[in-house]
Amino acid sequence: MAAPALGAGSSDAPAPDAAAAAAAAAASTAMPKHEFSVDMTCEGCSNAVSRVLNKLGGVEFDIDLPNKKVCISSDHSVDILLETLEKTGKAVSYLGPK
């Protein structure tokens, strides 16, 4: 008969799904946030920003189209984030940490 896995049935160990969710939540809050100004004028512009950031990976971002701002949570350097945003062909500047 196979021995039960360590921690099986233990009431003080979190379930694997709960542990993974907690680790993901901790990782997302630990990433530095950076704010950028991107010269976006329409939804197509914001879609271009989404596309290049999703290709980069390892980022969480919010796009504020009316204020032409993008807030990015990432462990990537500011230089990498700037280079990535510049691939949209739009004028980009770093506003600072958020």
PDB file of N, CA and C in Angstrom:
ATOM      1  N   MET A   1       0.831  -1.178   0.000  1.00  0.00           N
ATOM      2  CA  MET A   1       0.000   0.000   0.000  1.00  0.00           C
ATOM      3  C   MET A   1       0.879   1.246   0.000  1.00  0.00           C
ATOM      4  N   ALA A   2       0.517   2.281  -0.749  1.00  0.00           N
ATOM      5  CA  ALA A   2       1.309   3.508  -0.832  1.00  0.00           C
ATOM      6  C   ALA A   2       1.105   4.348   0.419  1.00  0.00           C
ATOM      7  N   ALA A   3       2.178   4.973   0.858  1.00  0.00           N
ATOM      8  CA  ALA A   3       2.102   5.847   2.031  1.00  0.00           C
ATOM      9  C   ALA A   3       1.453   7.159   1.627  1.00  0.00           C
ATOM     10  N   PRO A   4       0.660   7.766   2.509  1.00  0.00           N
ATOM     11  CA  PRO A   4       0.050   9.053   2.164  1.00  0.00           C
ATOM     12  C   PRO A   4       1.119  10.130   2.001  1.00  0.00           C
ATOM     13  N   ALA A   5       0.847  11.104   1.173  1.00  0.00           N
ATOM     14  CA  ALA A   5       1.770  12.212   0.955  1.00  0.00           C
ATOM     15  C   ALA A   5       1.930  13.006   2.243  1.00  0.00           C
ATOM     16  N   LEU A   6       3.110  13.566   2.430  1.00  0.00           N
ATOM     17  CA  LEU A   6       3.348  14.386   3.619  1.00  0.00           C
ATOM     18  C   LEU A   6       2.348  15.526   3.678  1.00  0.00           C
ATOM     19  N   GLY A   7       1.806  15.751   4.825  1.00  0.00           N
ATOM     20  CA  GLY A   7       0.868  16.846   5.006  1.00  0.00           C
ATOM     21  C   GLY A   7      -0.553  16.472   4.659  1.00  0.00           C
ATOM     22  N   ALA A   8      -0.778  15.281   4.131  1.00  0.00           N
ATOM     23  CA  ALA A   8      -2.135  14.892   3.767  1.00  0.00           C
ATOM     24  C   ALA A   8      -2.967  14.753   5.028  1.00  0.00           C
ATOM     25  N   GLY A   9      -4.105  15.353   5.047  1.00  0.00           N
ATOM     26  CA  GLY A   9      -4.984  15.275   6.194  1.00  0.00           C
ATOM     27  C   GLY A   9      -4.600  16.223   7.319  1.00  0.00           C
ATOM     28  N   SER A  10      -3.524  16.955   7.152  1.00  0.00           N
ATOM     29  CA  SER A  10      -3.105  17.889   8.194  1.00  0.00           C
ATOM     30  C   SER A  10      -3.979  19.130   8.135  1.00  0.00           C
ATOM     31  N   SER A  11      -4.486  19.544   9.272  1.00  0.00           N
ATOM     32  CA  SER A  11      -5.392  20.681   9.276  1.00  0.00           C
ATOM     33  C   SER A  11      -4.652  22.022   9.249  1.00  0.00           C
ATOM     34  N   ASP A  12      -3.332  22.016   9.561  1.00  0.00           N
ATOM     35  CA  ASP A  12      -2.620  23.293   9.576  1.00  0.00           C
ATOM     36  C   ASP A  12      -1.955  23.618   8.241  1.00  0.00           C
ATOM     37  N   ALA A  13      -1.914  22.712   7.294  1.00  0.00           N
ATOM     38  CA  ALA A  13      -1.322  22.969   5.985  1.00  0.00           C
ATOM     39  C   ALA A  13      -2.403  23.468   5.028  1.00  0.00           C
ATOM     40  N   PRO A  14      -2.130  24.561   4.302  1.00  0.00           N
ATOM     41  CA  PRO A  14      -3.134  25.044   3.346  1.00  0.00           C
ATOM     42  C   PRO A  14      -3.265  24.082   2.179  1.00  0.00           C
ATOM     43  N   ALA A  15      -4.421  24.067   1.569  1.00  0.00           N
ATOM     44  CA  ALA A  15      -4.633  23.249   0.385  1.00  0.00           C
ATOM     45  C   ALA A  15      -3.715  23.753  -0.715  1.00  0.00           C
ATOM     46  N   PRO A  16      -3.272  22.869  -1.619  1.00  0.00           N
ATOM     47  CA  PRO A  16      -2.348  23.303  -2.683  1.00  0.00           C
ATOM     48  C   PRO A  16      -2.881  24.493  -3.483  1.00  0.00           C
ATOM     49  N   ASP A  17      -4.178  24.499  -3.804  1.00  0.00           N
ATOM     50  CA  ASP A  17      -4.738  25.613  -4.563  1.00  0.00           C
ATOM     51  C   ASP A  17      -4.675  26.908  -3.763  1.00  0.00           C
ATOM     52  N   ALA A  18      -4.957  26.833  -2.473  1.00  0.00           N
ATOM     53  CA  ALA A  18      -4.902  28.023  -1.625  1.00  0.00           C
ATOM     54  C   ALA A  18      -3.474  28.529  -1.512  1.00  0.00           C
ATOM     55  N   ALA A  19      -2.512  27.614  -1.401  1.00  0.00           N
ATOM     56  CA  ALA A  19      -1.108  28.014  -1.307  1.00  0.00           C
ATOM     57  C   ALA A  19      -0.655  28.688  -2.601  1.00  0.00           C
ATOM     58  N   ALA A  20      -1.064  28.134  -3.743  1.00  0.00           N
ATOM     59  CA  ALA A  20      -0.693  28.722  -5.029  1.00  0.00           C
ATOM     60  C   ALA A  20      -1.318  30.104  -5.187  1.00  0.00           C
ATOM     61  N   ALA A  21      -2.568  30.248  -4.776  1.00  0.00           N
ATOM     62  CA  ALA A  21      -3.239  31.547  -4.872  1.00  0.00           C
ATOM     63  C   ALA A  21      -2.577  32.567  -3.964  1.00  0.00           C
ATOM     64  N   ALA A  22      -2.188  32.143  -2.764  1.00  0.00           N
ATOM     65  CA  ALA A  22      -1.519  33.050  -1.838  1.00  0.00           C
ATOM     66  C   ALA A  22      -0.160  33.473  -2.384  1.00  0.00           C
ATOM     67  N   ALA A  23       0.560  32.540  -2.977  1.00  0.00           N
ATOM     68  CA  ALA A  23       1.863  32.861  -3.557  1.00  0.00           C
ATOM     69  C   ALA A  23       1.711  33.819  -4.730  1.00  0.00           C
ATOM     70  N   ALA A  24       0.704  33.607  -5.565  1.00  0.00           N
ATOM     71  CA  ALA A  24       0.463  34.499  -6.701  1.00  0.00           C
ATOM     72  C   ALA A  24       0.083  35.894  -6.221  1.00  0.00           C
ATOM     73  N   ALA A  25      -0.731  35.964  -5.181  1.00  0.00           N
ATOM     74  CA  ALA A  25      -1.128  37.265  -4.633  1.00  0.00           C
ATOM     75  C   ALA A  25       0.074  37.985  -4.049  1.00  0.00           C
ATOM     76  N   ALA A  26       0.929  37.256  -3.361  1.00  0.00           N
ATOM     77  CA  ALA A  26       2.127  37.868  -2.775  1.00  0.00           C
ATOM     78  C   ALA A  26       3.066  38.357  -3.872  1.00  0.00           C
ATOM     79  N   ALA A  27       3.187  37.590  -4.945  1.00  0.00           N
ATOM     80  CA  ALA A  27       4.063  37.977  -6.049  1.00  0.00           C
ATOM     81  C   ALA A  27       3.555  39.230  -6.732  1.00  0.00           C
ATOM     82  N   SER A  28       2.234  39.339  -6.915  1.00  0.00           N
ATOM     83  CA  SER A  28       1.702  40.503  -7.618  1.00  0.00           C
ATOM     84  C   SER A  28       1.820  41.769  -6.775  1.00  0.00           C
ATOM     85  N   THR A  29       1.765  41.635  -5.460  1.00  0.00           N
ATOM     86  CA  THR A  29       1.894  42.821  -4.613  1.00  0.00           C
ATOM     87  C   THR A  29       3.356  43.197  -4.414  1.00  0.00           C
ATOM     88  N   ALA A  30       4.273  42.259  -4.649  1.00  0.00           N
ATOM     89  CA  ALA A  30       5.686  42.526  -4.443  1.00  0.00           C
ATOM     90  C   ALA A  30       6.323  43.214  -5.651  1.00  0.00           C
ATOM     91  N   MET A  31       5.673  43.174  -6.800  1.00  0.00           N
ATOM     92  CA  MET A  31       6.257  43.774  -8.003  1.00  0.00           C
ATOM     93  C   MET A  31       6.169  45.294  -7.926  1.00  0.00           C
ATOM     94  N   PRO A  32       7.259  45.966  -8.278  1.00  0.00           N
ATOM     95  CA  PRO A  32       7.214  47.432  -8.291  1.00  0.00           C
ATOM     96  C   PRO A  32       6.244  47.945  -9.350  1.00  0.00           C
ATOM     97  N   LYS A  33       5.622  49.097  -9.069  1.00  0.00           N
ATOM     98  CA  LYS A  33       4.694  49.721 -10.017  1.00  0.00           C
ATOM     99  C   LYS A  33       5.344  50.954 -10.624  1.00  0.00           C
ATOM    100  N   HIS A  34       5.161  51.102 -11.916  1.00  0.00           N
ATOM    101  CA  HIS A  34       5.721  52.237 -12.646  1.00  0.00           C
ATOM    102  C   HIS A  34       4.626  52.877 -13.481  1.00  0.00           C
ATOM    103  N   GLU A  35       4.689  54.209 -13.587  1.00  0.00           N
ATOM    104  CA  GLU A  35       3.693  54.924 -14.379  1.00  0.00           C
ATOM    105  C   GLU A  35       4.370  55.587 -15.579  1.00  0.00           C
ATOM    106  N   PHE A  36       3.731  55.424 -16.725  1.00  0.00           N
ATOM    107  CA  PHE A  36       4.254  55.972 -17.976  1.00  0.00           C
ATOM    108  C   PHE A  36       3.192  56.818 -18.650  1.00  0.00           C
ATOM    109  N   SER A  37       3.657  57.833 -19.364  1.00  0.00           N
ATOM    110  CA  SER A  37       2.793  58.617 -20.228  1.00  0.00           C
ATOM    111  C   SER A  37       2.977  58.064 -21.638  1.00  0.00           C
ATOM    112  N   VAL A  38       1.868  57.714 -22.286  1.00  0.00           N
ATOM    113  CA  VAL A  38       1.916  57.188 -23.655  1.00  0.00           C
ATOM    114  C   VAL A  38       0.927  57.997 -24.480  1.00  0.00           C
ATOM    115  N   ASP A  39       1.382  58.525 -25.611  1.00  0.00           N
ATOM    116  CA  ASP A  39       0.541  59.387 -26.444  1.00  0.00           C
ATOM    117  C   ASP A  39      -0.517  58.557 -27.183  1.00  0.00           C
ATOM    118  N   MET A  40      -1.524  58.125 -26.431  1.00  0.00           N
ATOM    119  CA  MET A  40      -2.613  57.313 -26.990  1.00  0.00           C
ATOM    120  C   MET A  40      -3.798  58.231 -27.285  1.00  0.00           C
ATOM    121  N   THR A  41      -4.367  58.074 -28.472  1.00  0.00           N
ATOM    122  CA  THR A  41      -5.506  58.922 -28.841  1.00  0.00           C
ATOM    123  C   THR A  41      -6.798  58.141 -29.052  1.00  0.00           C
ATOM    124  N   CYS A  42      -6.689  56.798 -29.124  1.00  0.00           N
ATOM    125  CA  CYS A  42      -7.894  56.003 -29.407  1.00  0.00           C
ATOM    126  C   CYS A  42      -7.745  54.599 -28.831  1.00  0.00           C
ATOM    127  N   GLU A  43      -8.806  53.821 -28.989  1.00  0.00           N
ATOM    128  CA  GLU A  43      -8.783  52.442 -28.496  1.00  0.00           C
ATOM    129  C   GLU A  43      -7.744  51.603 -29.227  1.00  0.00           C
ATOM    130  N   GLY A  44      -7.506  51.914 -30.483  1.00  0.00           N
ATOM    131  CA  GLY A  44      -6.471  51.197 -31.237  1.00  0.00           C
ATOM    132  C   GLY A  44      -5.098  51.381 -30.607  1.00  0.00           C
ATOM    133  N   CYS A  45      -4.843  52.598 -30.119  1.00  0.00           N
ATOM    134  CA  CYS A  45      -3.576  52.888 -29.441  1.00  0.00           C
ATOM    135  C   CYS A  45      -3.451  52.067 -28.154  1.00  0.00           C
ATOM    136  N   SER A  46      -4.529  52.032 -27.380  1.00  0.00           N
ATOM    137  CA  SER A  46      -4.482  51.281 -26.122  1.00  0.00           C
ATOM    138  C   SER A  46      -4.370  49.781 -26.404  1.00  0.00           C
ATOM    139  N   ASN A  47      -4.974  49.320 -27.504  1.00  0.00           N
ATOM    140  CA  ASN A  47      -4.837  47.913 -27.879  1.00  0.00           C
ATOM    141  C   ASN A  47      -3.393  47.585 -28.252  1.00  0.00           C
ATOM    142  N   ALA A  48      -2.704  48.526 -28.896  1.00  0.00           N
ATOM    143  CA  ALA A  48      -1.299  48.333 -29.249  1.00  0.00           C
ATOM    144  C   ALA A  48      -0.449  48.214 -27.986  1.00  0.00           C
ATOM    145  N   VAL A  49      -0.747  49.039 -26.987  1.00  0.00           N
ATOM    146  CA  VAL A  49      -0.028  48.975 -25.709  1.00  0.00           C
ATOM    147  C   VAL A  49      -0.272  47.617 -25.061  1.00  0.00           C
ATOM    148  N   SER A  50      -1.522  47.173 -25.031  1.00  0.00           N
ATOM    149  CA  SER A  50      -1.850  45.862 -24.457  1.00  0.00           C
ATOM    150  C   SER A  50      -1.095  44.750 -25.171  1.00  0.00           C
ATOM    151  N   ARG A  51      -1.064  44.832 -26.483  1.00  0.00           N
ATOM    152  CA  ARG A  51      -0.424  43.790 -27.288  1.00  0.00           C
ATOM    153  C   ARG A  51       1.067  43.661 -26.964  1.00  0.00           C
ATOM    154  N   VAL A  52       1.804  44.790 -26.936  1.00  0.00           N
ATOM    155  CA  VAL A  52       3.249  44.707 -26.691  1.00  0.00           C
ATOM    156  C   VAL A  52       3.551  44.293 -25.245  1.00  0.00           C
ATOM    157  N   LEU A  53       2.725  44.730 -24.293  1.00  0.00           N
ATOM    158  CA  LEU A  53       2.959  44.336 -22.900  1.00  0.00           C
ATOM    159  C   LEU A  53       2.639  42.861 -22.676  1.00  0.00           C
ATOM    160  N   ASN A  54       1.599  42.357 -23.310  1.00  0.00           N
ATOM    161  CA  ASN A  54       1.276  40.937 -23.182  1.00  0.00           C
ATOM    162  C   ASN A  54       2.359  40.061 -23.812  1.00  0.00           C
ATOM    163  N   LYS A  55       2.970  40.532 -24.909  1.00  0.00           N
ATOM    164  CA  LYS A  55       4.072  39.792 -25.534  1.00  0.00           C
ATOM    165  C   LYS A  55       5.282  39.744 -24.616  1.00  0.00           C
ATOM    166  N   LEU A  56       5.530  40.837 -23.887  1.00  0.00           N
ATOM    167  CA  LEU A  56       6.664  40.900 -22.966  1.00  0.00           C
ATOM    168  C   LEU A  56       6.484  39.879 -21.855  1.00  0.00           C
ATOM    169  N   GLY A  57       5.279  39.815 -21.297  1.00  0.00           N
ATOM    170  CA  GLY A  57       5.001  38.878 -20.214  1.00  0.00           C
ATOM    171  C   GLY A  57       5.562  39.364 -18.887  1.00  0.00           C
ATOM    172  N   GLY A  58       5.081  38.772 -17.815  1.00  0.00           N
ATOM    173  CA  GLY A  58       5.567  39.132 -16.484  1.00  0.00           C
ATOM    174  C   GLY A  58       5.131  40.512 -16.045  1.00  0.00           C
ATOM    175  N   VAL A  59       4.018  40.991 -16.593  1.00  0.00           N
ATOM    176  CA  VAL A  59       3.528  42.323 -16.250  1.00  0.00           C
ATOM    177  C   VAL A  59       2.040  42.283 -15.927  1.00  0.00           C
ATOM    178  N   GLU A  60       1.636  43.190 -15.078  1.00  0.00           N
ATOM    179  CA  GLU A  60       0.221  43.494 -14.857  1.00  0.00           C
ATOM    180  C   GLU A  60       0.107  44.977 -15.138  1.00  0.00           C
ATOM    181  N   PHE A  61      -0.935  45.386 -15.859  1.00  0.00           N
ATOM    182  CA  PHE A  61      -1.003  46.795 -16.235  1.00  0.00           C
ATOM    183  C   PHE A  61      -2.429  47.291 -16.292  1.00  0.00           C
ATOM    184  N   ASP A  62      -2.550  48.595 -16.119  1.00  0.00           N
ATOM    185  CA  ASP A  62      -3.822  49.305 -16.275  1.00  0.00           C
ATOM    186  C   ASP A  62      -3.581  50.438 -17.251  1.00  0.00           C
ATOM    187  N   ILE A  63      -4.491  50.585 -18.204  1.00  0.00           N
ATOM    188  CA  ILE A  63      -4.388  51.644 -19.204  1.00  0.00           C
ATOM    189  C   ILE A  63      -5.472  52.675 -18.925  1.00  0.00           C
ATOM    190  N   ASP A  64      -5.048  53.930 -18.773  1.00  0.00           N
ATOM    191  CA  ASP A  64      -5.966  55.056 -18.564  1.00  0.00           C
ATOM    192  C   ASP A  64      -5.919  55.888 -19.842  1.00  0.00           C
ATOM    193  N   LEU A  65      -6.764  55.519 -20.811  1.00  0.00           N
ATOM    194  CA  LEU A  65      -6.753  56.172 -22.125  1.00  0.00           C
ATOM    195  C   LEU A  65      -7.043  57.669 -22.051  1.00  0.00           C
ATOM    196  N   PRO A  66      -8.086  58.115 -21.309  1.00  0.00           N
ATOM    197  CA  PRO A  66      -8.366  59.560 -21.279  1.00  0.00           C
ATOM    198  C   PRO A  66      -7.193  60.400 -20.766  1.00  0.00           C
ATOM    199  N   ASN A  67      -6.435  59.855 -19.797  1.00  0.00           N
ATOM    200  CA  ASN A  67      -5.296  60.600 -19.238  1.00  0.00           C
ATOM    201  C   ASN A  67      -3.965  60.210 -19.864  1.00  0.00           C
ATOM    202  N   LYS A  68      -4.019  59.296 -20.851  1.00  0.00           N
ATOM    203  CA  LYS A  68      -2.832  58.860 -21.583  1.00  0.00           C
ATOM    204  C   LYS A  68      -1.748  58.314 -20.655  1.00  0.00           C
ATOM    205  N   LYS A  69      -2.170  57.482 -19.692  1.00  0.00           N
ATOM    206  CA  LYS A  69      -1.226  56.906 -18.739  1.00  0.00           C
ATOM    207  C   LYS A  69      -1.351  55.390 -18.719  1.00  0.00           C
ATOM    208  N   VAL A  70      -0.214  54.741 -18.467  1.00  0.00           N
ATOM    209  CA  VAL A  70      -0.170  53.290 -18.312  1.00  0.00           C
ATOM    210  C   VAL A  70       0.574  52.999 -17.017  1.00  0.00           C
ATOM    211  N   CYS A  71      -0.064  52.262 -16.113  1.00  0.00           N
ATOM    212  CA  CYS A  71       0.548  51.866 -14.853  1.00  0.00           C
ATOM    213  C   CYS A  71       0.893  50.385 -14.967  1.00  0.00           C
ATOM    214  N   ILE A  72       2.177  50.061 -14.762  1.00  0.00           N
ATOM    215  CA  ILE A  72       2.657  48.695 -14.957  1.00  0.00           C
ATOM    216  C   ILE A  72       3.284  48.174 -13.671  1.00  0.00           C
ATOM    217  N   SER A  73       2.851  46.994 -13.244  1.00  0.00           N
ATOM    218  CA  SER A  73       3.490  46.278 -12.140  1.00  0.00           C
ATOM    219  C   SER A  73       4.351  45.198 -12.774  1.00  0.00           C
ATOM    220  N   SER A  74       5.660  45.245 -12.511  1.00  0.00           N
ATOM    221  CA  SER A  74       6.564  44.298 -13.150  1.00  0.00           C
ATOM    222  C   SER A  74       7.919  44.309 -12.469  1.00  0.00           C
ATOM    223  N   ASP A  75       8.613  43.177 -12.567  1.00  0.00           N
ATOM    224  CA  ASP A  75       9.998  43.101 -12.101  1.00  0.00           C
ATOM    225  C   ASP A  75      10.972  43.489 -13.211  1.00  0.00           C
ATOM    226  N   HIS A  76      10.459  43.729 -14.423  1.00  0.00           N
ATOM    227  CA  HIS A  76      11.316  44.192 -15.519  1.00  0.00           C
ATOM    228  C   HIS A  76      11.840  45.587 -15.192  1.00  0.00           C
ATOM    229  N   SER A  77      13.006  45.924 -15.728  1.00  0.00           N
ATOM    230  CA  SER A  77      13.567  47.252 -15.506  1.00  0.00           C
ATOM    231  C   SER A  77      12.743  48.310 -16.239  1.00  0.00           C
ATOM    232  N   VAL A  78      12.866  49.544 -15.779  1.00  0.00           N
ATOM    233  CA  VAL A  78      12.169  50.655 -16.425  1.00  0.00           C
ATOM    234  C   VAL A  78      12.621  50.766 -17.882  1.00  0.00           C
ATOM    235  N   ASP A  79      13.905  50.527 -18.149  1.00  0.00           N
ATOM    236  CA  ASP A  79      14.410  50.610 -19.522  1.00  0.00           C
ATOM    237  C   ASP A  79      13.728  49.588 -20.433  1.00  0.00           C
ATOM    238  N   ILE A  80      13.545  48.363 -19.937  1.00  0.00           N
ATOM    239  CA  ILE A  80      12.870  47.323 -20.728  1.00  0.00           C
ATOM    240  C   ILE A  80      11.416  47.724 -20.972  1.00  0.00           C
ATOM    241  N   LEU A  81      10.761  48.230 -19.941  1.00  0.00           N
ATOM    242  CA  LEU A  81       9.365  48.653 -20.088  1.00  0.00           C
ATOM    243  C   LEU A  81       9.247  49.799 -21.088  1.00  0.00           C
ATOM    244  N   LEU A  82      10.161  50.769 -21.024  1.00  0.00           N
ATOM    245  CA  LEU A  82      10.156  51.889 -21.979  1.00  0.00           C
ATOM    246  C   LEU A  82      10.357  51.384 -23.406  1.00  0.00           C
ATOM    247  N   GLU A  83      11.354  50.510 -23.594  1.00  0.00           N
ATOM    248  CA  GLU A  83      11.629  49.965 -24.931  1.00  0.00           C
ATOM    249  C   GLU A  83      10.404  49.232 -25.474  1.00  0.00           C
ATOM    250  N   THR A  84       9.741  48.491 -24.589  1.00  0.00           N
ATOM    251  CA  THR A  84       8.558  47.735 -25.009  1.00  0.00           C
ATOM    252  C   THR A  84       7.437  48.676 -25.421  1.00  0.00           C
ATOM    253  N   LEU A  85       7.174  49.694 -24.610  1.00  0.00           N
ATOM    254  CA  LEU A  85       6.112  50.647 -24.944  1.00  0.00           C
ATOM    255  C   LEU A  85       6.424  51.423 -26.215  1.00  0.00           C
ATOM    256  N   GLU A  86       7.709  51.701 -26.460  1.00  0.00           N
ATOM    257  CA  GLU A  86       8.101  52.443 -27.660  1.00  0.00           C
ATOM    258  C   GLU A  86       7.838  51.648 -28.942  1.00  0.00           C
ATOM    259  N   LYS A  87       7.692  50.327 -28.818  1.00  0.00           N
ATOM    260  CA  LYS A  87       7.382  49.493 -29.987  1.00  0.00           C
ATOM    261  C   LYS A  87       6.009  49.819 -30.562  1.00  0.00           C
ATOM    262  N   THR A  88       5.175  50.542 -29.808  1.00  0.00           N
ATOM    263  CA  THR A  88       3.869  50.944 -30.311  1.00  0.00           C
ATOM    264  C   THR A  88       3.985  52.076 -31.332  1.00  0.00           C
ATOM    265  N   GLY A  89       5.145  52.747 -31.362  1.00  0.00           N
ATOM    266  CA  GLY A  89       5.331  53.886 -32.249  1.00  0.00           C
ATOM    267  C   GLY A  89       4.819  55.184 -31.650  1.00  0.00           C
ATOM    268  N   LYS A  90       4.347  55.121 -30.428  1.00  0.00           N
ATOM    269  CA  LYS A  90       3.812  56.313 -29.739  1.00  0.00           C
ATOM    270  C   LYS A  90       4.911  56.940 -28.898  1.00  0.00           C
ATOM    271  N   ALA A  91       4.771  58.253 -28.636  1.00  0.00           N
ATOM    272  CA  ALA A  91       5.700  58.940 -27.737  1.00  0.00           C
ATOM    273  C   ALA A  91       5.461  58.418 -26.328  1.00  0.00           C
ATOM    274  N   VAL A  92       6.540  58.055 -25.645  1.00  0.00           N
ATOM    275  CA  VAL A  92       6.461  57.462 -24.315  1.00  0.00           C
ATOM    276  C   VAL A  92       7.429  58.168 -23.378  1.00  0.00           C
ATOM    277  N   SER A  93       6.985  58.416 -22.145  1.00  0.00           N
ATOM    278  CA  SER A  93       7.906  58.931 -21.132  1.00  0.00           C
ATOM    279  C   SER A  93       7.584  58.288 -19.790  1.00  0.00           C
ATOM    280  N   TYR A  94       8.627  58.159 -18.972  1.00  0.00           N
ATOM    281  CA  TYR A  94       8.483  57.573 -17.646  1.00  0.00           C
ATOM    282  C   TYR A  94       8.089  58.661 -16.667  1.00  0.00           C
ATOM    283  N   LEU A  95       6.994  58.452 -15.956  1.00  0.00           N
ATOM    284  CA  LEU A  95       6.523  59.444 -14.986  1.00  0.00           C
ATOM    285  C   LEU A  95       7.055  59.184 -13.583  1.00  0.00           C
ATOM    286  N   GLY A  96       7.384  57.931 -13.285  1.00  0.00           N
ATOM    287  CA  GLY A  96       7.955  57.606 -11.983  1.00  0.00           C
ATOM    288  C   GLY A  96       7.267  56.419 -11.348  1.00  0.00           C
ATOM    289  N   PRO A  97       7.770  56.033 -10.167  1.00  0.00           N
ATOM    290  CA  PRO A  97       7.157  54.913  -9.467  1.00  0.00           C
ATOM    291  C   PRO A  97       5.784  55.291  -8.960  1.00  0.00           C
ATOM    292  N   LYS A  98       4.921  54.313  -8.824  1.00  0.00           N
ATOM    293  CA  LYS A  98       3.553  54.602  -8.370  1.00  0.00           C
ATOM    294  C   LYS A  98       3.335  53.928  -7.045  1.00  0.00           C
TER     295      LYS A  98
END
